[in-house]
Every structure is written in structure tokens, then in C-alpha cells.
């Protein structure tokens, strides 16, 4: 081979290597999008090594007066678990160890504080999940909705009266993915649809609220359906904001939605990030007034939030820094960890 040929091959290989880097970046972006939408149909990723500042080893760094909270810690098995945290004492305890190949898509604590509803699959290879109830008094697990292929439940939340579980239903049985908000009867597991093109339900005062999914797959408004089946909508700000994590306690003492900071406007990877996909961006909380339909921004710190829930006195959130509780607009970081994915309180 001539010198020119060698030079050409070297150049070609540099372009191939550069192309591989681009392909790898695209793969990472796609993985981030998939995991951003609750990791649907994918194995629970093993988190990368972390610096001491964001240790994968759970570390309680402070305490605060608050009821017990529950969280999903997604570390390398067997340290993939649901654990309890007593914020007042800082004590933690394993509640449920996630079996090999199983995966959790979300948790919710009922008002009696004795049952966790879990969006759950015992085997991610089944390409679907169901809803199971974890009894916190005896650690028993019972199925409310069985696993069905290409059907997923995420964002579980209890109804106000505690007789049903609300959830986002992701239907992948057809050519196009369909999103809806459903109510699952806590007695017989019957599933009824409340709203199409909707996700992330919560219920207060017999009204179910949710995030609407637009024709362009953006989430920029809060929908509502009352006990008479009447649908209304709440506009957040000027209606241009990208929304996530609609949360409310049953009495609506705290009712809030996460407003995401504008996405980077440079090179993007396709369209999914504009849909229900990669919302792994810093967000701040806006208060929602269910009666007047008004929304107001808070001065909470902008941070990437994986999951959140509301109590009558606080917002409990799993962030890219750990587990935090916000009371009266003040955020207290209780745990430093990169491994917390879902919370319930």
C-alpha cells in the first residue's frame, strides 16, 4: 500500500471513529429519552460510578421534622430496593428488595399509610407491567392489575377516598403509542379511562387533574375532570411552559407543577425530546390554585427532578442530587445520592 493509501486510510478511520462517537452520543441521547419516560420496557440501568459528593452509597446528611417517607433506591442488585426514611431521626430501613430482573415504574402511599401502590413488573423481559399493592404491615405483595404485554402503568396516585389507584396508562399494542389517565378499582382491579392524551394524574375534592398531551406531544396545560365528567383546563403562566410532575395532597393544601427550564436550542436528537421524552432538565415549582385556575411561580431552586409527591405540609422529591423536602419554600436536602428514582409520602 502506498503512503497516499495509508494516509487515506488513516483519514477514513478518523472519520469512522468520529462517526462512532456521534453514534454513541445518539445512543446515549436515546437512552436518556427512554429512561426519562420512566424507563418503559427497558431494564433498570446500573448507575455509573460517582464521586464522593454524589455517592451511590446512601448517606443521610441532615434531619427534619416530618412523617416517614418512602423511596426507590436503584443501585446495582441486590441494592435495588424500596426503603423508608424517618426524616426526624435519619433512620432508614429496607421495605422491599426488588428481585432479579424486576423493575419499578413508580410508587404511591395511601392516606392510611399502610399500603404502597407499585407500578411494577416482576420481569422486564415481559415488555409490560402491572400494578401491585405492597402491604407495609406484613410486607405482602398482591396484584391489582396483572402484567400485559405492551401495556404500561406509570405515575401511580391514590384517589381521594382511597378506593382506587390513578395512573398514566401507556398503550403500545397498536401502531402508535397512546397515553391516557386511568382509574383502577382497588377492589376488583377494573380499569376505566378518565382522559385521553393525558398523563400524571392526581385527585383533590373529587376532581382528577392531569397534564394534557398536545398534538405535538408537548405538555403545557393542566386538565381536570370533575365527578360529573366535565372537563376543564388550567393554563400555566402564558401557556408556553413545558410541564412535569403534577402533585397535590388530597386537601389541595399543596398543589404544584414542575415547570421545566427551556431546553437547549442547539443540536438535538430527533423529536422525542419534545414529546413525553427527555424532561431531565432543571425545573422550578409553580403553585396551582384549583379553585381560581391561577398559577404562580415559586422561588424554589431549579433542579432536575425525577419524581415528586405532595403532603399537606411539604413537597418530597427525588432529584439528581438525592432526596429533598421543601417546606414553606425552603428546600432541605436529606440524602445525597444519585440512585433515588421515586418517592412516596
Protein backbone atom coordinates (compact mmCIF):
# COMPACT_ATOMS: atom_id res chain seq x y z
CA UNK A 1 0.00 0.00 0.00
CA UNK A 2 1.34 3.46 -0.92
CA UNK A 3 1.96 6.28 1.51
CA UNK A 4 -1.02 8.08 -0.02
CA UNK A 5 -3.15 4.99 0.55
CA UNK A 6 -2.06 4.84 4.17
CA UNK A 7 -2.84 8.49 4.66
CA UNK A 8 -6.23 8.00 3.08
CA UNK A 9 -6.96 5.03 5.33
CA UNK A 10 -5.95 6.98 8.40
CA UNK A 11 -8.25 9.80 7.35
CA UNK A 12 -11.06 7.36 6.70
CA UNK A 13 -10.56 5.73 10.08
CA UNK A 14 -10.60 9.12 11.77
CA UNK A 15 -13.96 9.78 10.14
CA UNK A 16 -15.17 6.31 11.14
CA UNK A 17 -14.07 6.92 14.72
CA UNK A 18 -15.74 10.31 14.67
CA UNK A 19 -18.90 8.67 13.30
CA UNK A 20 -18.80 6.08 16.07
CA UNK A 21 -18.59 8.86 18.63
CA UNK A 22 -21.63 10.54 17.08
CA UNK A 23 -23.48 7.22 17.04
CA UNK A 24 -22.55 6.63 20.66
CA UNK A 25 -23.74 10.11 21.60
CA UNK A 26 -27.00 9.43 19.76
CA UNK A 27 -27.39 6.13 21.59
CA UNK A 28 -26.81 7.84 24.92
CA UNK A 29 -29.34 10.53 23.99
CA UNK A 30 -31.90 7.87 23.07
CA UNK A 31 -31.22 6.01 26.31
CA UNK A 32 -31.70 9.23 28.25
CA UNK A 33 -35.01 9.77 26.46
CA UNK A 34 -36.22 6.25 27.25
CA UNK A 35 -35.18 6.46 30.89
CA UNK A 36 -36.65 9.97 31.05
CA UNK A 37 -40.05 8.43 30.35
CA UNK A 38 -39.87 6.11 33.36
CA UNK A 39 -37.64 3.57 31.55
CA UNK A 40 -40.58 1.90 29.81
CA UNK A 41 -39.75 -1.57 28.55
CA UNK A 42 -36.12 -1.24 29.48
CA UNK A 43 -34.05 -2.94 32.18
CA UNK A 44 -33.25 -0.79 35.18
CA UNK A 45 -29.92 0.81 34.26
CA UNK A 46 -26.95 0.29 36.53
CA UNK A 47 -25.84 3.74 37.58
CA UNK A 48 -22.27 4.79 36.86
CA UNK A 49 -19.55 5.27 39.42
CA UNK A 50 -19.90 8.55 41.24
CA UNK A 51 -17.69 10.94 43.09
CA UNK A 52 -17.83 11.18 46.85
CA UNK A 53 -20.09 14.21 46.51
CA UNK A 54 -22.79 12.10 44.85
CA UNK A 55 -22.14 8.73 46.37
CA UNK A 56 -24.11 5.69 45.31
CA UNK A 57 -23.97 4.70 48.96
CA UNK A 58 -26.97 6.24 50.65
CA UNK A 59 -25.96 8.98 53.07
CA UNK A 60 -28.40 10.85 55.29
CA UNK A 61 -26.87 14.27 55.77
CA UNK A 62 -29.43 16.02 57.97
CA UNK A 63 -32.78 15.58 59.70
CA UNK A 64 -36.06 17.48 59.68
CA UNK A 65 -39.38 17.15 61.50
CA UNK A 66 -41.52 15.17 59.04
CA UNK A 67 -43.52 11.95 58.70
CA UNK A 68 -41.82 8.84 57.29
CA UNK A 69 -41.24 8.87 53.53
CA UNK A 70 -40.58 6.01 51.12
CA UNK A 71 -38.24 5.95 48.17
CA UNK A 72 -36.92 3.66 45.45
CA UNK A 73 -33.15 3.32 45.53
CA UNK A 74 -31.97 1.99 42.19
CA UNK A 75 -28.49 0.64 42.74
CA UNK A 76 -26.80 -2.47 41.45
CA UNK A 77 -28.66 -5.53 42.68
CA UNK A 78 -29.26 -6.60 45.38
CA UNK A 79 -29.31 -2.92 46.41
CA UNK A 80 -32.29 -2.14 44.22
CA UNK A 81 -34.98 -1.61 46.84
CA UNK A 82 -37.77 0.41 48.40
CA UNK A 83 -36.67 1.91 51.68
CA UNK A 84 -38.24 4.03 54.38
CA UNK A 85 -36.69 7.18 55.79
CA UNK A 86 -37.67 8.76 59.09
CA UNK A 87 -36.66 12.37 58.40
CA UNK A 88 -36.91 13.18 62.11
CA UNK A 89 -34.26 10.66 63.16
CA UNK A 90 -32.47 9.95 59.89
CA UNK A 91 -33.08 6.21 60.25
CA UNK A 92 -33.61 4.13 57.09
CA UNK A 93 -34.89 0.58 56.61
CA UNK A 94 -35.36 -1.72 53.61
CA UNK A 95 -39.04 -2.30 52.93
CA UNK A 96 -38.87 -4.28 49.69
CA UNK A 97 -35.88 -5.75 47.86
CA UNK A 98 -36.51 -5.75 44.11
CA UNK A 99 -35.92 -9.27 42.73
CA UNK A 100 -33.60 -10.05 39.83
CA UNK A 101 -35.00 -8.76 36.50
CA UNK A 102 -37.90 -6.99 38.23
CA UNK A 103 -38.40 -3.25 37.76
CA UNK A 104 -40.38 -0.49 39.48
CA UNK A 105 -42.02 2.31 37.49
CA UNK A 106 -43.44 4.34 40.37
CA UNK A 107 -44.86 4.17 43.90
CA UNK A 108 -47.64 5.90 45.84
CA UNK A 109 -48.59 5.82 49.54
CA UNK A 110 -52.25 5.65 50.54
CA UNK A 111 -53.82 8.01 53.09
CA UNK A 112 -53.85 5.31 55.77
CA UNK A 113 -50.08 5.00 55.25
CA UNK A 114 -50.21 1.22 55.28
CA UNK A 115 -50.06 0.37 51.56
CA UNK A 116 -47.80 1.29 48.69
CA UNK A 117 -49.22 1.07 45.18
CA UNK A 118 -46.43 0.00 42.84
CA UNK A 119 -46.28 0.27 39.06
CA UNK A 120 -44.26 -2.90 38.76
CA UNK A 121 -43.08 -5.79 36.63
CA UNK A 122 -41.52 -8.98 38.02
CA UNK A 123 -39.54 -9.36 34.79
CA UNK A 124 -38.65 -6.53 32.42
CA UNK A 125 -38.44 -9.08 29.57
CA UNK A 126 -42.24 -9.30 29.65
CA UNK A 127 -42.36 -5.88 27.91
CA UNK A 128 -45.20 -4.67 30.08
CA UNK A 129 -46.09 -4.05 33.70
CA UNK A 130 -48.99 -4.02 36.12
CA UNK A 131 -49.98 -2.56 39.48
CA UNK A 132 -49.19 -4.35 42.73
CA UNK A 133 -50.04 -3.42 46.31
CA UNK A 134 -47.34 -3.73 48.97
CA UNK A 135 -48.78 -4.10 52.48
CA UNK A 136 -46.46 -2.21 54.83
CA UNK A 137 -47.80 -4.03 57.89
CA UNK A 138 -46.82 -7.55 56.81
CA UNK A 139 -44.69 -6.95 53.65
CA UNK A 140 -47.12 -8.99 51.50
CA UNK A 141 -47.45 -8.22 47.80
CA UNK A 142 -50.73 -8.65 45.91
CA UNK A 143 -51.53 -7.90 42.29
CA UNK A 144 -54.22 -5.38 41.46
CA UNK A 145 -53.60 -5.40 37.68
CA UNK A 146 -51.69 -8.24 36.04
CA UNK A 147 -48.83 -7.65 33.62
CA UNK A 148 -49.94 -7.40 29.98
CA UNK A 149 -47.52 -7.19 27.06
CA UNK A 150 -47.04 -3.70 25.58
CA UNK A 151 -49.15 -2.12 28.32
CA UNK A 152 -47.55 0.02 31.00
CA UNK A 153 -48.70 1.90 34.08
CA UNK A 154 -46.71 4.80 35.49
CA UNK A 155 -47.24 7.78 37.83
CA UNK A 156 -49.48 5.95 40.34
CA UNK A 157 -51.52 8.09 42.76
CA UNK A 158 -54.31 7.18 45.17
CA UNK A 159 -57.81 8.52 44.80
CA UNK A 160 -59.05 10.88 47.48
CA UNK A 161 -61.23 8.22 49.09
CA UNK A 162 -58.51 5.57 48.94
CA UNK A 163 -60.64 3.11 46.98
CA UNK A 164 -58.75 3.38 43.68
CA UNK A 165 -55.36 3.96 42.15
CA UNK A 166 -54.97 6.55 39.40
CA UNK A 167 -52.20 6.10 36.86
CA UNK A 168 -50.84 7.01 33.46
CA UNK A 169 -51.57 4.18 31.03
CA UNK A 170 -49.17 3.72 28.12
CA UNK A 171 -50.67 1.55 25.39
CA UNK A 172 -48.16 0.21 22.90
CA UNK A 173 -50.34 -2.53 21.44
CA UNK A 174 -51.12 -0.52 18.30
CA UNK A 175 -49.04 1.16 15.65
CA UNK A 176 -48.88 4.39 17.65
CA UNK A 177 -48.30 4.80 21.36
CA UNK A 178 -51.41 6.03 23.18
CA UNK A 179 -51.35 7.86 26.53
CA UNK A 180 -54.27 8.16 28.92
CA UNK A 181 -55.17 8.64 32.56
CA UNK A 182 -56.99 5.70 34.13
CA UNK A 183 -58.65 4.76 37.40
CA UNK A 184 -58.00 1.27 38.77
CA UNK A 185 -60.60 -0.02 41.22
CA UNK A 186 -58.85 -1.06 44.43
CA UNK A 187 -61.29 -3.91 45.00
CA UNK A 188 -61.53 -5.73 41.68
CA UNK A 189 -58.77 -4.14 39.61
CA UNK A 190 -61.19 -2.89 36.95
CA UNK A 191 -59.53 -0.24 34.76
CA UNK A 192 -61.54 2.70 33.40
CA UNK A 193 -60.27 5.53 31.23
CA UNK A 194 -60.74 9.07 32.56
CA UNK A 195 -58.94 11.16 29.93
CA UNK A 196 -57.18 10.51 26.62
CA UNK A 197 -53.84 12.13 25.71
CA UNK A 198 -53.19 12.74 29.39
CA UNK A 199 -50.59 11.75 31.99
CA UNK A 200 -49.58 12.22 35.64
CA UNK A 201 -52.96 12.22 37.49
CA UNK A 202 -53.76 13.49 40.98
CA UNK A 203 -57.13 13.84 42.70
CA UNK A 204 -58.42 16.51 45.09
CA UNK A 205 -62.02 17.17 46.15
CA UNK A 206 -63.45 14.61 43.70
CA UNK A 207 -61.68 16.26 40.76
CA UNK A 208 -58.93 14.46 38.86
CA UNK A 209 -56.20 16.71 37.48
CA UNK A 210 -53.61 15.68 34.93
CA UNK A 211 -51.14 17.03 32.39
CA UNK A 212 -52.56 17.24 28.88
CA UNK A 213 -50.55 15.96 25.93
CA UNK A 214 -50.87 18.24 22.89
CA UNK A 215 -50.94 17.23 19.24
CA UNK A 216 -47.22 17.97 19.11
CA UNK A 217 -46.79 15.77 22.21
CA UNK A 218 -45.89 18.72 24.44
CA UNK A 219 -47.26 19.10 27.98
CA UNK A 220 -48.23 22.73 28.51
CA UNK A 221 -51.55 22.68 30.38
CA UNK A 222 -53.31 21.04 33.31
CA UNK A 223 -56.55 19.26 32.55
CA UNK A 224 -59.32 18.47 35.03
CA UNK A 225 -62.34 16.20 35.12
CA UNK A 226 -64.89 16.53 37.91
CA UNK A 227 -67.27 13.94 39.36
CA UNK A 228 -69.86 14.84 36.70
CA UNK A 229 -67.40 14.13 33.89
CA UNK A 230 -66.93 17.78 32.95
CA UNK A 231 -63.51 18.58 31.51
CA UNK A 232 -61.78 21.92 32.04
CA UNK A 233 -58.23 23.20 31.66
CA UNK A 234 -55.77 25.34 33.61
CA UNK A 235 -53.15 27.32 31.73
CA UNK A 236 -49.78 27.60 33.44
CA UNK A 237 -48.34 31.08 33.00
CA UNK A 238 -48.61 32.14 29.37
CA UNK A 239 -49.16 28.58 28.24
CA UNK A 240 -45.71 28.15 26.71
CA UNK A 241 -44.07 26.28 29.57
CA UNK A 242 -43.07 22.63 29.40
CA UNK A 243 -44.55 20.83 32.41
CA UNK A 244 -43.78 17.80 34.54
CA UNK A 245 -44.63 16.25 37.93
CA UNK A 246 -48.15 17.40 38.76
CA UNK A 247 -48.55 16.88 42.52
CA UNK A 248 -51.22 17.59 45.12
CA UNK A 249 -52.19 16.41 48.56
CA UNK A 250 -55.83 15.27 48.93
CA UNK A 251 -56.97 18.55 50.51
CA UNK A 252 -55.04 20.62 47.94
CA UNK A 253 -53.19 22.40 50.71
CA UNK A 254 -50.22 21.93 48.39
CA UNK A 255 -50.94 21.76 44.67
CA UNK A 256 -47.99 22.34 42.37
CA UNK A 257 -46.48 21.56 39.00
CA UNK A 258 -42.86 21.49 37.87
CA UNK A 259 -42.06 24.00 35.12
CA UNK A 260 -39.02 22.98 33.13
CA UNK A 261 -36.36 25.42 32.10
CA UNK A 262 -36.12 25.98 28.34
CA UNK A 263 -34.33 23.20 26.52
CA UNK A 264 -31.01 23.72 24.80
CA UNK A 265 -31.81 25.07 21.33
CA UNK A 266 -28.73 23.75 19.53
CA UNK A 267 -28.28 20.30 18.04
CA UNK A 268 -30.99 17.90 19.21
CA UNK A 269 -31.54 14.21 18.68
CA UNK A 270 -34.73 13.89 16.69
CA UNK A 271 -38.18 14.71 18.00
CA UNK A 272 -38.67 12.57 21.12
CA UNK A 273 -37.23 15.18 23.48
CA UNK A 274 -40.14 17.44 22.52
CA UNK A 275 -42.68 14.79 23.49
CA UNK A 276 -43.08 12.92 26.76
CA UNK A 277 -39.42 12.05 26.48
CA UNK A 278 -36.32 13.63 27.90
CA UNK A 279 -37.53 16.08 30.51
CA UNK A 280 -34.40 15.57 32.55
CA UNK A 281 -33.85 19.32 32.80
CA UNK A 282 -33.84 21.64 35.80
CA UNK A 283 -37.30 22.75 36.87
CA UNK A 284 -38.91 25.00 39.44
CA UNK A 285 -42.22 24.59 41.24
CA UNK A 286 -45.30 26.68 40.45
CA UNK A 287 -48.27 26.78 42.80
CA UNK A 288 -51.67 25.88 41.35
CA UNK A 289 -54.97 27.23 42.67
CA UNK A 290 -57.57 24.63 41.76
CA UNK A 291 -60.48 26.96 42.55
CA UNK A 292 -59.43 30.04 40.60
CA UNK A 293 -57.37 28.22 38.00
CA UNK A 294 -54.42 30.54 38.55
CA UNK A 295 -50.76 29.54 38.76
CA UNK A 296 -47.85 31.40 40.32
CA UNK A 297 -44.12 30.68 40.27
CA UNK A 298 -42.25 29.98 43.48
CA UNK A 299 -38.67 30.83 44.33
CA UNK A 300 -37.59 27.23 44.73
CA UNK A 301 -34.20 26.20 43.43
CA UNK A 302 -34.06 25.00 39.82
CA UNK A 303 -33.04 21.34 39.90
CA UNK A 304 -33.58 18.20 37.82
CA UNK A 305 -36.38 16.23 39.46
CA UNK A 306 -37.00 12.54 38.78
CA UNK A 307 -40.15 12.20 40.87
CA UNK A 308 -42.11 14.12 43.50
CA UNK A 309 -45.13 13.93 45.76
CA UNK A 310 -47.02 16.36 47.98
CA UNK A 311 -48.14 16.14 51.59
CA UNK A 312 -50.26 18.68 53.43
CA UNK A 313 -47.09 20.48 54.53
CA UNK A 314 -44.36 19.65 52.04
CA UNK A 315 -43.08 18.62 48.65
CA UNK A 316 -40.92 15.49 48.75
CA UNK A 317 -38.76 14.99 45.68
CA UNK A 318 -36.17 12.67 44.20
CA UNK A 319 -33.63 14.78 42.35
CA UNK A 320 -30.36 14.25 40.55
CA UNK A 321 -28.71 15.13 43.87
CA UNK A 322 -30.75 12.91 46.20
CA UNK A 323 -33.88 13.22 48.33
CA UNK A 324 -35.19 16.64 49.37
CA UNK A 325 -38.13 18.06 51.28
CA UNK A 326 -39.49 21.55 50.60
CA UNK A 327 -41.44 23.24 53.39
CA UNK A 328 -42.63 26.87 53.22
CA UNK A 329 -40.48 27.35 50.12
CA UNK A 330 -37.30 26.18 51.83
CA UNK A 331 -35.61 23.08 50.45
CA UNK A 332 -33.79 20.71 52.80
CA UNK A 333 -31.58 18.06 51.23
CA UNK A 334 -31.83 14.97 53.45
CA UNK A 335 -29.96 12.42 51.35
CA UNK A 336 -27.09 12.83 48.93
CA UNK A 337 -27.32 10.10 46.30
CA UNK A 338 -27.61 9.64 42.56
CA UNK A 339 -29.61 6.46 42.97
CA UNK A 340 -33.04 7.63 44.19
CA UNK A 341 -35.69 7.46 41.50
CA UNK A 342 -39.19 7.54 43.04
CA UNK A 343 -40.70 8.86 46.28
CA UNK A 344 -43.93 8.47 48.23
CA UNK A 345 -45.13 10.25 51.37
